C-alpha atoms as a PDB file:
ATOM      1  CA  MET A   1     -60.997 109.278  80.688  1.00  0.00           C
ATOM      2  CA  LYS A   2     -57.645 110.882  81.467  1.00  0.00           C
ATOM      3  CA  GLU A   3     -56.308 113.053  78.668  1.00  0.00           C
ATOM      4  CA  TYR A   4     -53.105 111.040  78.137  1.00  0.00           C
ATOM      5  CA  ILE A   5     -55.060 107.841  77.401  1.00  0.00           C
ATOM      6  CA  VAL A   6     -55.395 106.884  73.742  1.00  0.00           C
ATOM      7  CA  HIS A   7     -57.399 103.849  72.637  1.00  0.00           C
ATOM      8  CA  ASN A   8     -57.807 103.515  68.887  1.00  0.00           C
ATOM      9  CA  GLU A   9     -57.434 100.980  66.065  1.00  0.00           C
ATOM     10  CA  LYS A  10     -53.610 101.103  66.209  1.00  0.00           C
ATOM     11  CA  GLU A  11     -52.676 101.548  69.842  1.00  0.00           C
ATOM     12  CA  ILE A  12     -53.682 101.199  73.452  1.00  0.00           C
ATOM     13  CA  LYS A  13     -51.916 103.856  75.493  1.00  0.00           C
ATOM     14  CA  GLY A  14     -53.001 103.850  79.107  1.00  0.00           C
ATOM     15  CA  PHE A  15     -54.292 100.740  80.832  1.00  0.00           C
ATOM     16  CA  ASP A  16     -57.628 102.040  82.051  1.00  0.00           C
ATOM     17  CA  VAL A  17     -61.339 101.812  81.193  1.00  0.00           C
ATOM     18  CA  ASP A  18     -61.801  98.858  78.763  1.00  0.00           C
ATOM     19  CA  TYR A  19     -58.115  97.980  79.087  1.00  0.00           C
ATOM     20  CA  ARG A  20     -57.795  98.087  82.865  1.00  0.00           C
ATOM     21  CA  PHE A  21     -57.155  94.339  82.757  1.00  0.00           C
ATOM     22  CA  LEU A  22     -53.686  95.096  81.308  1.00  0.00           C
ATOM     23  CA  SER A  23     -52.719  97.030  84.431  1.00  0.00           C
ATOM     24  CA  ASN A  24     -50.729  95.446  87.230  1.00  0.00           C
ATOM     25  CA  PHE A  25     -53.334  96.967  89.550  1.00  0.00           C
ATOM     26  CA  SER A  26     -56.194  94.899  88.117  1.00  0.00           C
ATOM     27  CA  MET A  27     -57.370  92.218  90.495  1.00  0.00           C
ATOM     28  CA  ALA A  28     -56.320  88.987  88.827  1.00  0.00           C
ATOM     29  CA  GLY A  29     -54.679  86.405  91.037  1.00  0.00           C
ATOM     30  CA  VAL A  30     -51.222  85.059  90.297  1.00  0.00           C
ATOM     31  CA  TYR A  31     -48.698  82.679  91.783  1.00  0.00           C
ATOM     32  CA  PHE A  32     -45.103  83.690  92.330  1.00  0.00           C
ATOM     33  CA  ASP A  33     -42.554  81.427  94.021  1.00  0.00           C
ATOM     34  CA  GLY A  34     -45.327  79.216  95.384  1.00  0.00           C
ATOM     35  CA  LEU A  35     -47.400  82.020  96.925  1.00  0.00           C
ATOM     36  CA  TRP A  36     -50.763  83.330  95.736  1.00  0.00           C
ATOM     37  CA  TYR A  37     -51.192  87.097  95.289  1.00  0.00           C
ATOM     38  CA  PRO A  38     -54.329  89.062  94.404  1.00  0.00           C
ATOM     39  CA  SER A  39     -52.596  91.030  91.613  1.00  0.00           C
ATOM     40  CA  THR A  40     -49.401  91.172  89.608  1.00  0.00           C
ATOM     41  CA  GLU A  41     -48.455  94.358  91.490  1.00  0.00           C
ATOM     42  CA  ASN A  42     -48.575  92.535  94.825  1.00  0.00           C
ATOM     43  CA  ALA A  43     -46.446  89.670  93.518  1.00  0.00           C
ATOM     44  CA  TYR A  44     -43.929  92.018  91.880  1.00  0.00           C
ATOM     45  CA  GLN A  45     -43.483  94.125  95.000  1.00  0.00           C
ATOM     46  CA  SER A  46     -43.022  91.030  97.169  1.00  0.00           C
ATOM     47  CA  ALA A  47     -40.327  89.747  94.818  1.00  0.00           C
ATOM     48  CA  LYS A  48     -38.086  92.643  95.793  1.00  0.00           C
ATOM     49  CA  THR A  49     -37.080  90.662  98.893  1.00  0.00           C
ATOM     50  CA  PHE A  50     -36.096  87.092  99.669  1.00  0.00           C
ATOM     51  CA  ASP A  51     -37.595  87.377 103.167  1.00  0.00           C
ATOM     52  CA  GLU A  52     -40.491  84.893 103.211  1.00  0.00           C
ATOM     53  CA  ARG A  53     -42.279  86.694 106.067  1.00  0.00           C
ATOM     54  CA  GLU A  54     -42.153  89.974 104.168  1.00  0.00           C
ATOM     55  CA  ARG A  55     -43.375  88.330 100.967  1.00  0.00           C
ATOM     56  CA  LYS A  56     -46.393  86.853 102.712  1.00  0.00           C
ATOM     57  CA  ARG A  57     -47.498  90.284 103.938  1.00  0.00           C
ATOM     58  CA  PHE A  58     -48.095  91.363 100.324  1.00  0.00           C
ATOM     59  CA  ARG A  59     -50.804  88.722  99.923  1.00  0.00           C
ATOM     60  CA  ASN A  60     -53.231  90.719 102.070  1.00  0.00           C
ATOM     61  CA  MET A  61     -52.836  94.203 100.616  1.00  0.00           C
ATOM     62  CA  THR A  62     -54.429  96.160  97.839  1.00  0.00           C
ATOM     63  CA  PRO A  63     -52.181  96.740  94.818  1.00  0.00           C
ATOM     64  CA  GLY A  64     -51.774 100.364  95.888  1.00  0.00           C
ATOM     65  CA  GLN A  65     -50.759  99.386  99.409  1.00  0.00           C
ATOM     66  CA  SER A  66     -48.284  96.858  98.028  1.00  0.00           C
ATOM     67  CA  LYS A  67     -46.630  99.516  95.863  1.00  0.00           C
ATOM     68  CA  LYS A  68     -46.173 101.765  98.908  1.00  0.00           C
ATOM     69  CA  GLU A  69     -44.872  98.901 101.049  1.00  0.00           C
ATOM     70  CA  GLY A  70     -42.532  97.759  98.274  1.00  0.00           C
ATOM     71  CA  ARG A  71     -40.771 101.116  98.476  1.00  0.00           C
ATOM     72  CA  LYS A  72     -39.968 100.452 102.136  1.00  0.00           C
ATOM     73  CA  LEU A  73     -38.273  97.089 101.576  1.00  0.00           C
ATOM     74  CA  GLU A  74     -34.573  96.467 101.671  1.00  0.00           C
ATOM     75  CA  ILE A  75     -34.243  95.532  98.008  1.00  0.00           C
ATOM     76  CA  ARG A  76     -32.402  92.334  97.143  1.00  0.00           C
ATOM     77  CA  ALA A  77     -28.932  92.907  95.667  1.00  0.00           C
ATOM     78  CA  ASP A  78     -29.686  91.427  92.238  1.00  0.00           C
ATOM     79  CA  TRP A  79     -32.940  93.336  91.715  1.00  0.00           C
ATOM     80  CA  ASP A  80     -31.862  95.503  88.789  1.00  0.00           C
ATOM     81  CA  LYS A  81     -30.628  92.393  86.963  1.00  0.00           C
ATOM     82  CA  VAL A  82     -33.761  90.303  87.515  1.00  0.00           C
ATOM     83  CA  LYS A  83     -36.717  92.694  87.716  1.00  0.00           C
ATOM     84  CA  ILE A  84     -37.701  92.419  84.034  1.00  0.00           C
ATOM     85  CA  ASP A  85     -37.591  88.608  84.177  1.00  0.00           C
ATOM     86  CA  VAL A  86     -39.559  88.655  87.437  1.00  0.00           C
ATOM     87  CA  MET A  87     -42.216  90.932  85.933  1.00  0.00           C
ATOM     88  CA  SER A  88     -42.367  88.792  82.787  1.00  0.00           C
ATOM     89  CA  SER A  89     -42.973  85.597  84.744  1.00  0.00           C
ATOM     90  CA  ILE A  90     -45.625  87.199  86.940  1.00  0.00           C
ATOM     91  CA  VAL A  91     -47.503  88.788  84.034  1.00  0.00           C
ATOM     92  CA  PHE A  92     -47.294  85.529  82.079  1.00  0.00           C
ATOM     93  CA  ASP A  93     -48.852  83.715  85.033  1.00  0.00           C
ATOM     94  CA  LYS A  94     -51.692  86.240  85.112  1.00  0.00           C
ATOM     95  CA  PHE A  95     -52.694  85.410  81.543  1.00  0.00           C
ATOM     96  CA  TYR A  96     -51.977  81.707  81.905  1.00  0.00           C
ATOM     97  CA  ARG A  97     -54.320  81.373  84.900  1.00  0.00           C
ATOM     98  CA  ASN A  98     -57.051  83.676  83.638  1.00  0.00           C
ATOM     99  CA  LYS A  99     -58.385  82.434  80.304  1.00  0.00           C
ATOM    100  CA  GLU A 100     -60.851  85.310  79.963  1.00  0.00           C
ATOM    101  CA  LEU A 101     -58.048  87.852  80.366  1.00  0.00           C
ATOM    102  CA  ARG A 102     -55.838  85.882  77.981  1.00  0.00           C
ATOM    103  CA  GLU A 103     -58.569  86.071  75.339  1.00  0.00           C
ATOM    104  CA  LYS A 104     -58.967  89.805  75.920  1.00  0.00           C
ATOM    105  CA  LEU A 105     -55.212  90.246  75.504  1.00  0.00           C
ATOM    106  CA  ILE A 106     -55.230  88.256  72.254  1.00  0.00           C
ATOM    107  CA  ASP A 107     -58.201  90.356  71.094  1.00  0.00           C
ATOM    108  CA  THR A 108     -55.987  93.460  71.198  1.00  0.00           C
ATOM    109  CA  GLY A 109     -54.636  92.091  67.908  1.00  0.00           C
ATOM    110  CA  ASP A 110     -51.488  93.831  66.778  1.00  0.00           C
ATOM    111  CA  LYS A 111     -52.130  97.064  68.614  1.00  0.00           C
ATOM    112  CA  TYR A 112     -49.184  98.748  70.246  1.00  0.00           C
ATOM    113  CA  LEU A 113     -49.531  98.466  74.042  1.00  0.00           C
ATOM    114  CA  GLU A 114     -48.093 101.208  76.212  1.00  0.00           C
ATOM    115  CA  GLU A 115     -48.469 101.901  79.890  1.00  0.00           C
ATOM    116  CA  THR A 116     -48.881 105.618  79.384  1.00  0.00           C
ATOM    117  CA  ASN A 117     -49.099 107.303  82.776  1.00  0.00           C
ATOM    118  CA  ASP A 118     -49.071 110.580  84.654  1.00  0.00           C
ATOM    119  CA  TRP A 119     -47.203 109.310  87.746  1.00  0.00           C
ATOM    120  CA  GLY A 120     -43.690 109.508  86.299  1.00  0.00           C
ATOM    121  CA  ASP A 121     -42.987 105.843  85.520  1.00  0.00           C
ATOM    122  CA  LYS A 122     -40.562 105.936  82.612  1.00  0.00           C
ATOM    123  CA  PHE A 123     -39.230 102.423  83.093  1.00  0.00           C
ATOM    124  CA  TRP A 124     -42.354 100.257  82.980  1.00  0.00           C
ATOM    125  CA  GLY A 125     -44.308 102.862  81.053  1.00  0.00           C
ATOM    126  CA  VAL A 126     -44.201 106.200  79.294  1.00  0.00           C
ATOM    127  CA  CYS A 127     -44.799 109.592  80.916  1.00  0.00           C
ATOM    128  CA  ASP A 128     -44.833 112.895  79.039  1.00  0.00           C
ATOM    129  CA  GLY A 129     -43.737 111.093  75.875  1.00  0.00           C
ATOM    130  CA  GLU A 130     -40.643 109.539  77.462  1.00  0.00           C
ATOM    131  CA  GLY A 131     -40.048 106.041  78.696  1.00  0.00           C
ATOM    132  CA  GLN A 132     -38.939 102.484  78.027  1.00  0.00           C
ATOM    133  CA  ASN A 133     -42.419 100.912  78.219  1.00  0.00           C
ATOM    134  CA  GLU A 134     -41.060  97.630  79.582  1.00  0.00           C
ATOM    135  CA  LEU A 135     -44.525  96.496  80.755  1.00  0.00           C
ATOM    136  CA  GLY A 136     -45.990  97.160  77.322  1.00  0.00           C
ATOM    137  CA  LYS A 137     -43.190  95.137  75.711  1.00  0.00           C
ATOM    138  CA  ILE A 138     -43.829  92.244  78.092  1.00  0.00           C
ATOM    139  CA  LEU A 139     -47.561  92.302  77.330  1.00  0.00           C
ATOM    140  CA  MET A 140     -46.972  92.356  73.556  1.00  0.00           C
ATOM    141  CA  ASN A 141     -44.519  89.438  73.848  1.00  0.00           C
ATOM    142  CA  ILE A 142     -46.988  87.412  75.909  1.00  0.00           C
ATOM    143  CA  ARG A 143     -49.771  88.245  73.448  1.00  0.00           C
ATOM    144  CA  ASN A 144     -47.602  87.027  70.566  1.00  0.00           C
ATOM    145  CA  PHE A 145     -46.833  83.828  72.447  1.00  0.00           C
ATOM    146  CA  TRP A 146     -50.537  83.046  72.882  1.00  0.00           C
ATOM    147  CA  LYS A 147     -51.507  84.220  69.374  1.00  0.00           C
ATOM    148  CA  ASN A 148     -48.934  81.915  67.827  1.00  0.00           C
ATOM    149  CA  GLY A 149     -50.320  78.883  69.656  1.00  0.00           C
ATOM    150  CA  LYS A 150     -47.561  78.784  72.271  1.00  0.00           C
END
């Protein structure tokens, strides 16, 4: 296990090993804007454009490939305003469609969820103790939604 990962009774920092299912790179199919994607990462990267042809390409990539290809896109003008809502809807769909994953998310109880990483993502996660942890916040909100019976 990577040294920055912490999994204990109070927190899950780092979405790997037993908590890989929390990662956007885990293979769990989702729908976004009427298209099926093999992971939340693929759907999120495709959402950076309105070009339907471009979006469809992301359906046949690995999550890692989709992240690389997403960096090459001409990003839609409103992206900074909508990216958290887009991620929220995609991640919600992941747990809506996958009951087993939804139950695993609920089973994290009240633990703090943080996408601790070593690749420098300080928006969606935390790197070197700094970051906004937006993905962790989304996951905790979705968990609370399901825990509280919708």
